[in-house]
């Protein structure tokens, strides 16, 4: 079940990237023009950031549970991913990860 869910998320993100879907603006205003996904795809192709699959694996190894949402964003020119993971205990955990280094920057329990 978890593998199927992760496959759906991966395929959904891949579809969004290839379709050039519009992302929402982040709180810092760096992405007010809505081109985050295009920029993410370009950065991955240039090797400037890690592919989504590597970042997902980093989060999955460190946090137990199901990834229920992923938001790529750019903040102050830095590419980040915000993962929301639902733990087996029902706790929603937000993990912010640097897309270039794979470093986990912030963890919040909601």
Protein backbone atom coordinates (compact mmCIF):
# COMPACT_ATOMS: atom_id res chain seq x y z
CA UNK A 1 0.00 0.00 0.00
CA UNK A 2 2.80 2.42 0.94
CA UNK A 3 4.68 1.66 -2.29
CA UNK A 4 1.53 2.33 -4.31
CA UNK A 5 0.94 5.62 -2.47
CA UNK A 6 4.55 6.72 -3.02
CA UNK A 7 4.25 5.81 -6.71
CA UNK A 8 1.12 7.92 -7.02
CA UNK A 9 2.88 10.90 -5.41
CA UNK A 10 5.93 10.46 -7.62
CA UNK A 11 3.84 10.20 -10.78
CA UNK A 12 1.72 13.18 -9.72
CA UNK A 13 4.77 15.34 -9.18
CA UNK A 14 6.31 14.17 -12.45
CA UNK A 15 3.08 15.05 -14.24
CA UNK A 16 3.04 18.49 -12.69
CA UNK A 17 6.65 19.09 -13.65
CA UNK A 18 6.18 17.99 -17.24
CA UNK A 19 2.96 19.95 -17.63
CA UNK A 20 4.53 23.11 -16.22
CA UNK A 21 1.73 23.47 -13.69
CA UNK A 22 1.47 26.66 -11.74
CA UNK A 23 2.67 26.61 -8.15
CA UNK A 24 1.37 28.90 -5.47
CA UNK A 25 3.43 31.87 -4.32
CA UNK A 26 5.39 31.33 -1.15
CA UNK A 27 5.35 33.58 1.90
CA UNK A 28 8.58 35.30 0.90
CA UNK A 29 7.31 36.40 -2.50
CA UNK A 30 10.18 34.86 -4.49
CA UNK A 31 7.73 32.89 -6.59
CA UNK A 32 4.94 35.36 -7.22
CA UNK A 33 5.08 34.59 -10.95
CA UNK A 34 4.18 30.91 -10.36
CA UNK A 35 7.11 29.32 -12.22
CA UNK A 36 8.53 27.19 -9.42
CA UNK A 37 7.92 23.83 -11.07
CA UNK A 38 9.54 24.88 -14.34
CA UNK A 39 12.52 26.21 -12.41
CA UNK A 40 12.73 22.99 -10.36
CA UNK A 41 12.76 20.86 -13.49
CA UNK A 42 15.48 23.02 -15.05
CA UNK A 43 17.58 22.93 -11.86
CA UNK A 44 17.34 19.11 -11.70
CA UNK A 45 18.37 18.82 -15.36
CA UNK A 46 21.40 21.07 -14.69
CA UNK A 47 22.35 19.09 -11.58
CA UNK A 48 21.89 22.11 -9.30
CA UNK A 49 19.39 20.25 -7.10
CA UNK A 50 18.68 16.63 -6.30
CA UNK A 51 15.82 14.82 -8.05
CA UNK A 52 12.58 14.46 -6.12
CA UNK A 53 13.12 10.70 -5.73
CA UNK A 54 16.37 11.24 -3.78
CA UNK A 55 14.78 13.83 -1.50
CA UNK A 56 11.79 11.56 -0.92
CA UNK A 57 14.15 8.73 0.03
CA UNK A 58 15.99 10.97 2.53
CA UNK A 59 12.71 11.87 4.22
CA UNK A 60 11.41 8.27 4.15
CA UNK A 61 14.58 6.92 5.79
CA UNK A 62 14.40 9.42 8.63
CA UNK A 63 10.65 9.66 9.28
CA UNK A 64 8.19 6.79 9.67
CA UNK A 65 4.80 7.20 8.08
CA UNK A 66 3.15 8.10 4.80
CA UNK A 67 4.05 11.17 2.77
CA UNK A 68 0.71 12.87 2.23
CA UNK A 69 1.80 16.11 0.56
CA UNK A 70 4.85 17.60 -1.11
CA UNK A 71 5.31 21.27 -1.96
CA UNK A 72 8.29 22.42 -4.01
CA UNK A 73 9.12 26.07 -3.38
CA UNK A 74 11.79 28.66 -3.78
CA UNK A 75 12.63 30.87 -0.81
CA UNK A 76 15.23 33.62 -1.14
CA UNK A 77 16.47 31.93 -4.32
CA UNK A 78 16.97 28.53 -2.63
CA UNK A 79 14.96 25.52 -3.76
CA UNK A 80 13.20 23.71 -0.93
CA UNK A 81 10.69 20.92 -0.61
CA UNK A 82 8.15 20.79 2.19
CA UNK A 83 7.07 17.23 2.92
CA UNK A 84 4.06 16.46 5.10
CA UNK A 85 4.27 13.01 6.68
CA UNK A 86 1.47 11.32 8.58
CA UNK A 87 3.06 9.18 11.29
CA UNK A 88 1.66 5.77 12.29
CA UNK A 89 0.42 7.50 15.47
CA UNK A 90 -1.62 9.98 13.42
CA UNK A 91 0.71 12.96 13.96
CA UNK A 92 1.25 15.25 10.96
CA UNK A 93 4.91 16.22 10.62
CA UNK A 94 6.20 18.94 8.26
CA UNK A 95 9.75 18.52 7.02
CA UNK A 96 11.55 21.23 5.06
CA UNK A 97 14.52 19.99 3.04
CA UNK A 98 17.13 21.84 0.99
CA UNK A 99 16.77 20.49 -2.57
CA UNK A 100 20.44 21.09 -3.44
CA UNK A 101 22.10 19.39 -0.47
CA UNK A 102 19.35 17.13 0.86
CA UNK A 103 19.82 18.69 4.29
CA UNK A 104 16.76 18.68 6.52
CA UNK A 105 16.34 22.30 7.57
CA UNK A 106 13.24 22.24 9.75
CA UNK A 107 10.87 19.76 11.34
CA UNK A 108 7.50 20.81 12.76
CA UNK A 109 4.88 18.70 14.47
CA UNK A 110 1.37 19.95 13.82
